[in-house]
Amino acid sequence: MTTPFGYVAAAVAEITGCFAFWAWLRSGKSMIWIVPGLTSLAAFACLLTLVDSAAAGRAYAAYGGVYVAPLIGLWSVERPRADRWDAIGAAVCLLGANVILIGLRPA
């Protein structure tokens, strides 16, 4: 699995799982929403183990930066909408994730 795909798939799974719990606890949905929530969160954990990284901490740190990018898309359907500071912050996070992933390290 390629690293960018792994991070994107993990982010989608995490957001989906968290949304399922949000829907149950905050939107009055049935407890049955826990099932897809748990399934999505388990998929998130499994997907993140598949990315190419020499260390778990590095993988999770880089994922944190990648995770922010989909939030810009979510803001497009929510209120309040993203502003320039949200976009700049997301760009900084993505830049940081790339530094972690692509940074030159001694062999």
N, C-alpha and C. Protein backbone atom coordinates (compact mmCIF):
# COMPACT_ATOMS: atom_id res chain seq x y z
N MET A 1 0.86 -1.18 0.00
CA MET A 1 0.00 0.00 0.00
C MET A 1 0.90 1.23 0.00
N THR A 2 0.56 2.20 -0.83
CA THR A 2 1.34 3.42 -0.84
C THR A 2 1.00 4.26 0.39
N THR A 3 1.98 4.99 0.86
CA THR A 3 1.80 5.78 2.07
C THR A 3 0.69 6.83 1.93
N PRO A 4 0.65 7.62 0.85
CA PRO A 4 -0.44 8.61 0.75
C PRO A 4 -1.82 7.96 0.75
N PHE A 5 -1.98 6.86 0.04
CA PHE A 5 -3.28 6.18 0.03
C PHE A 5 -3.62 5.66 1.42
N GLY A 6 -2.63 5.11 2.12
CA GLY A 6 -2.86 4.59 3.47
C GLY A 6 -3.34 5.68 4.41
N TYR A 7 -2.70 6.85 4.33
CA TYR A 7 -3.10 7.95 5.20
C TYR A 7 -4.49 8.48 4.85
N VAL A 8 -4.78 8.59 3.57
CA VAL A 8 -6.11 9.07 3.16
C VAL A 8 -7.18 8.08 3.60
N ALA A 9 -6.94 6.79 3.36
CA ALA A 9 -7.91 5.76 3.76
C ALA A 9 -8.09 5.74 5.27
N ALA A 10 -6.99 5.89 6.02
CA ALA A 10 -7.08 5.92 7.49
C ALA A 10 -7.88 7.13 7.95
N ALA A 11 -7.65 8.28 7.31
CA ALA A 11 -8.39 9.49 7.70
C ALA A 11 -9.88 9.33 7.44
N VAL A 12 -10.24 8.76 6.29
CA VAL A 12 -11.66 8.54 5.98
C VAL A 12 -12.27 7.59 7.00
N ALA A 13 -11.57 6.52 7.33
CA ALA A 13 -12.08 5.56 8.31
C ALA A 13 -12.24 6.20 9.69
N GLU A 14 -11.27 7.02 10.10
CA GLU A 14 -11.36 7.66 11.42
C GLU A 14 -12.51 8.67 11.46
N ILE A 15 -12.62 9.48 10.44
CA ILE A 15 -13.69 10.47 10.40
C ILE A 15 -15.05 9.78 10.38
N THR A 16 -15.17 8.71 9.61
CA THR A 16 -16.43 7.96 9.54
C THR A 16 -16.78 7.37 10.91
N GLY A 17 -15.79 6.75 11.55
CA GLY A 17 -16.03 6.16 12.87
C GLY A 17 -16.42 7.19 13.91
N CYS A 18 -15.72 8.30 13.91
CA CYS A 18 -16.04 9.36 14.87
C CYS A 18 -17.41 9.97 14.59
N PHE A 19 -17.75 10.13 13.31
CA PHE A 19 -19.06 10.66 12.97
C PHE A 19 -20.17 9.73 13.44
N ALA A 20 -19.97 8.42 13.34
CA ALA A 20 -20.99 7.48 13.79
C ALA A 20 -21.27 7.65 15.29
N PHE A 21 -20.20 7.82 16.07
CA PHE A 21 -20.40 8.05 17.50
C PHE A 21 -21.04 9.41 17.76
N TRP A 22 -20.65 10.40 16.99
CA TRP A 22 -21.25 11.73 17.11
C TRP A 22 -22.76 11.63 16.84
N ALA A 23 -23.12 10.92 15.77
CA ALA A 23 -24.53 10.79 15.40
C ALA A 23 -25.32 10.11 16.52
N TRP A 24 -24.73 9.09 17.13
CA TRP A 24 -25.42 8.39 18.21
C TRP A 24 -25.54 9.26 19.45
N LEU A 25 -24.43 9.87 19.87
CA LEU A 25 -24.44 10.60 21.14
C LEU A 25 -25.02 12.01 21.05
N ARG A 26 -24.86 12.68 19.93
CA ARG A 26 -25.26 14.09 19.85
C ARG A 26 -26.47 14.33 18.96
N SER A 27 -26.73 13.41 18.03
CA SER A 27 -27.85 13.63 17.10
C SER A 27 -29.03 12.71 17.35
N GLY A 28 -28.96 11.93 18.42
CA GLY A 28 -30.09 11.10 18.78
C GLY A 28 -30.32 9.88 17.91
N LYS A 29 -29.29 9.44 17.19
CA LYS A 29 -29.43 8.24 16.36
C LYS A 29 -29.44 7.00 17.25
N SER A 30 -29.87 5.90 16.68
CA SER A 30 -29.97 4.63 17.39
C SER A 30 -28.59 4.14 17.83
N MET A 31 -28.58 3.31 18.89
CA MET A 31 -27.32 2.71 19.36
C MET A 31 -26.68 1.82 18.30
N ILE A 32 -27.43 1.42 17.30
CA ILE A 32 -26.89 0.58 16.23
C ILE A 32 -25.76 1.30 15.48
N TRP A 33 -25.72 2.63 15.58
CA TRP A 33 -24.65 3.42 14.95
C TRP A 33 -23.29 3.10 15.56
N ILE A 34 -23.27 2.48 16.74
CA ILE A 34 -22.00 2.09 17.35
C ILE A 34 -21.28 1.04 16.49
N VAL A 35 -22.04 0.16 15.85
CA VAL A 35 -21.44 -0.93 15.07
C VAL A 35 -20.59 -0.38 13.91
N PRO A 36 -21.13 0.47 13.03
CA PRO A 36 -20.25 1.00 11.98
C PRO A 36 -19.15 1.90 12.55
N GLY A 37 -19.43 2.55 13.68
CA GLY A 37 -18.40 3.38 14.31
C GLY A 37 -17.21 2.55 14.75
N LEU A 38 -17.47 1.46 15.45
CA LEU A 38 -16.39 0.58 15.89
C LEU A 38 -15.67 -0.07 14.71
N THR A 39 -16.43 -0.47 13.71
CA THR A 39 -15.83 -1.08 12.52
C THR A 39 -14.89 -0.10 11.82
N SER A 40 -15.35 1.14 11.66
CA SER A 40 -14.52 2.15 10.99
C SER A 40 -13.28 2.48 11.80
N LEU A 41 -13.41 2.57 13.11
CA LEU A 41 -12.25 2.89 13.94
C LEU A 41 -11.24 1.73 13.96
N ALA A 42 -11.74 0.49 13.90
CA ALA A 42 -10.83 -0.66 13.79
C ALA A 42 -10.11 -0.63 12.44
N ALA A 43 -10.84 -0.29 11.37
CA ALA A 43 -10.21 -0.18 10.05
C ALA A 43 -9.14 0.90 10.06
N PHE A 44 -9.43 2.02 10.72
CA PHE A 44 -8.45 3.11 10.85
C PHE A 44 -7.15 2.59 11.46
N ALA A 45 -7.26 1.88 12.56
CA ALA A 45 -6.07 1.37 13.24
C ALA A 45 -5.29 0.41 12.35
N CYS A 46 -6.01 -0.47 11.67
CA CYS A 46 -5.35 -1.44 10.78
C CYS A 46 -4.68 -0.75 9.59
N LEU A 47 -5.38 0.20 8.99
CA LEU A 47 -4.82 0.90 7.83
C LEU A 47 -3.56 1.66 8.19
N LEU A 48 -3.52 2.25 9.34
CA LEU A 48 -2.34 3.03 9.73
C LEU A 48 -1.13 2.14 9.94
N THR A 49 -1.34 0.87 10.27
CA THR A 49 -0.19 -0.03 10.43
C THR A 49 0.40 -0.44 9.08
N LEU A 50 -0.33 -0.21 7.99
CA LEU A 50 0.14 -0.62 6.67
C LEU A 50 1.01 0.40 5.96
N VAL A 51 1.07 1.62 6.48
CA VAL A 51 1.89 2.64 5.81
C VAL A 51 3.37 2.35 6.04
N ASP A 52 4.18 2.73 5.08
CA ASP A 52 5.61 2.48 5.15
C ASP A 52 6.28 3.49 6.07
N SER A 53 6.71 3.03 7.22
CA SER A 53 7.41 3.89 8.17
C SER A 53 8.28 3.02 9.06
N ALA A 54 9.45 3.55 9.39
CA ALA A 54 10.36 2.80 10.25
C ALA A 54 9.95 2.85 11.72
N ALA A 55 9.09 3.80 12.08
CA ALA A 55 8.71 3.96 13.48
C ALA A 55 7.25 4.35 13.60
N ALA A 56 6.55 3.78 14.55
CA ALA A 56 5.14 4.08 14.75
C ALA A 56 4.92 5.55 15.07
N GLY A 57 5.76 6.12 15.90
CA GLY A 57 5.62 7.53 16.27
C GLY A 57 5.69 8.44 15.05
N ARG A 58 6.61 8.13 14.14
CA ARG A 58 6.75 8.92 12.91
C ARG A 58 5.50 8.77 12.05
N ALA A 59 4.98 7.55 11.95
CA ALA A 59 3.78 7.32 11.14
C ALA A 59 2.59 8.10 11.71
N TYR A 60 2.42 8.06 13.02
CA TYR A 60 1.30 8.79 13.64
C TYR A 60 1.47 10.30 13.55
N ALA A 61 2.71 10.78 13.68
CA ALA A 61 2.95 12.22 13.57
C ALA A 61 2.64 12.71 12.16
N ALA A 62 3.08 11.97 11.16
CA ALA A 62 2.81 12.35 9.77
C ALA A 62 1.32 12.25 9.48
N TYR A 63 0.67 11.21 10.00
CA TYR A 63 -0.77 11.07 9.80
C TYR A 63 -1.52 12.27 10.37
N GLY A 64 -1.08 12.76 11.51
CA GLY A 64 -1.73 13.92 12.12
C GLY A 64 -1.76 15.10 11.17
N GLY A 65 -0.68 15.31 10.44
CA GLY A 65 -0.65 16.39 9.47
C GLY A 65 -1.56 16.15 8.29
N VAL A 66 -1.61 14.91 7.83
CA VAL A 66 -2.46 14.57 6.69
C VAL A 66 -3.93 14.62 7.08
N TYR A 67 -4.24 14.28 8.32
CA TYR A 67 -5.61 14.24 8.80
C TYR A 67 -6.31 15.59 8.69
N VAL A 68 -5.55 16.66 8.83
CA VAL A 68 -6.13 18.00 8.81
C VAL A 68 -6.71 18.35 7.44
N ALA A 69 -6.10 17.89 6.38
CA ALA A 69 -6.53 18.27 5.03
C ALA A 69 -8.00 17.95 4.72
N PRO A 70 -8.51 16.76 5.08
CA PRO A 70 -9.92 16.49 4.79
C PRO A 70 -10.88 17.42 5.53
N LEU A 71 -10.43 18.03 6.61
CA LEU A 71 -11.30 18.93 7.36
C LEU A 71 -11.70 20.14 6.52
N ILE A 72 -10.85 20.56 5.61
CA ILE A 72 -11.20 21.67 4.72
C ILE A 72 -12.44 21.28 3.92
N GLY A 73 -12.48 20.04 3.44
CA GLY A 73 -13.65 19.56 2.70
C GLY A 73 -14.89 19.49 3.58
N LEU A 74 -14.72 19.06 4.82
CA LEU A 74 -15.87 18.99 5.73
C LEU A 74 -16.42 20.38 6.01
N TRP A 75 -15.53 21.35 6.12
CA TRP A 75 -15.98 22.71 6.39
C TRP A 75 -16.82 23.26 5.25
N SER A 76 -16.66 22.68 4.06
CA SER A 76 -17.43 23.17 2.92
C SER A 76 -18.92 22.85 3.06
N VAL A 77 -19.26 21.90 3.92
CA VAL A 77 -20.67 21.56 4.13
C VAL A 77 -21.17 21.97 5.52
N GLU A 78 -20.27 22.41 6.37
CA GLU A 78 -20.66 22.81 7.72
C GLU A 78 -20.62 24.32 7.88
N ARG A 79 -21.13 24.77 8.99
CA ARG A 79 -21.00 26.16 9.39
C ARG A 79 -20.18 26.18 10.66
N PRO A 80 -19.31 27.06 10.94
CA PRO A 80 -18.86 28.11 10.03
C PRO A 80 -17.92 27.56 8.97
N ARG A 81 -17.87 28.22 7.87
CA ARG A 81 -17.00 27.81 6.77
C ARG A 81 -15.54 28.09 7.12
N ALA A 82 -14.66 27.36 6.46
CA ALA A 82 -13.24 27.56 6.65
C ALA A 82 -12.85 28.95 6.16
N ASP A 83 -11.89 29.56 6.85
CA ASP A 83 -11.39 30.85 6.40
C ASP A 83 -9.93 30.68 5.98
N ARG A 84 -9.27 31.78 5.67
CA ARG A 84 -7.90 31.69 5.18
C ARG A 84 -6.96 31.11 6.24
N TRP A 85 -7.25 31.35 7.52
CA TRP A 85 -6.38 30.83 8.57
C TRP A 85 -6.52 29.32 8.69
N ASP A 86 -7.73 28.81 8.47
CA ASP A 86 -7.91 27.35 8.44
C ASP A 86 -7.11 26.75 7.29
N ALA A 87 -7.19 27.37 6.12
CA ALA A 87 -6.47 26.87 4.95
C ALA A 87 -4.96 26.96 5.15
N ILE A 88 -4.49 28.06 5.72
CA ILE A 88 -3.06 28.22 5.97
C ILE A 88 -2.60 27.18 7.00
N GLY A 89 -3.37 26.98 8.05
CA GLY A 89 -3.03 25.98 9.06
C GLY A 89 -2.97 24.58 8.48
N ALA A 90 -3.94 24.24 7.62
CA ALA A 90 -3.93 22.92 6.97
C ALA A 90 -2.70 22.77 6.08
N ALA A 91 -2.34 23.82 5.36
CA ALA A 91 -1.16 23.77 4.50
C ALA A 91 0.11 23.57 5.33
N VAL A 92 0.21 24.25 6.47
CA VAL A 92 1.37 24.08 7.35
C VAL A 92 1.44 22.64 7.86
N CYS A 93 0.29 22.08 8.23
CA CYS A 93 0.26 20.69 8.71
C CYS A 93 0.71 19.72 7.61
N LEU A 94 0.23 19.94 6.38
CA LEU A 94 0.64 19.07 5.27
C LEU A 94 2.13 19.22 4.98
N LEU A 95 2.64 20.43 5.06
CA LEU A 95 4.07 20.65 4.87
C LEU A 95 4.85 19.89 5.95
N GLY A 96 4.41 19.99 7.19
CA GLY A 96 5.07 19.27 8.28
C GLY A 96 5.04 17.77 8.08
N ALA A 97 3.91 17.24 7.63
CA ALA A 97 3.81 15.81 7.38
C ALA A 97 4.79 15.39 6.29
N ASN A 98 4.94 16.22 5.26
CA ASN A 98 5.89 15.90 4.19
C ASN A 98 7.33 15.95 4.68
N VAL A 99 7.64 16.90 5.55
CA VAL A 99 8.99 16.97 6.12
C VAL A 99 9.29 15.68 6.89
N ILE A 100 8.32 15.21 7.66
CA ILE A 100 8.50 13.97 8.43
C ILE A 100 8.67 12.78 7.49
N LEU A 101 7.84 12.69 6.47
CA LEU A 101 7.87 11.52 5.58
C LEU A 101 9.06 11.51 4.62
N ILE A 102 9.41 12.68 4.09
CA ILE A 102 10.39 12.74 3.01
C ILE A 102 11.76 13.19 3.51
N GLY A 103 11.83 13.67 4.73
CA GLY A 103 13.09 14.21 5.27
C GLY A 103 14.26 13.25 5.11
N LEU A 104 15.40 13.81 4.79
CA LEU A 104 16.61 13.01 4.63
C LEU A 104 17.12 12.55 6.00
N ARG A 105 17.37 11.29 6.07
CA ARG A 105 17.87 10.71 7.33
C ARG A 105 19.14 9.92 7.05
N PRO A 106 20.04 9.89 8.00
CA PRO A 106 21.26 9.08 7.79
C PRO A 106 20.90 7.61 7.67
N ALA A 107 21.63 6.93 6.84
CA ALA A 107 21.36 5.50 6.58
C ALA A 107 21.72 4.64 7.75
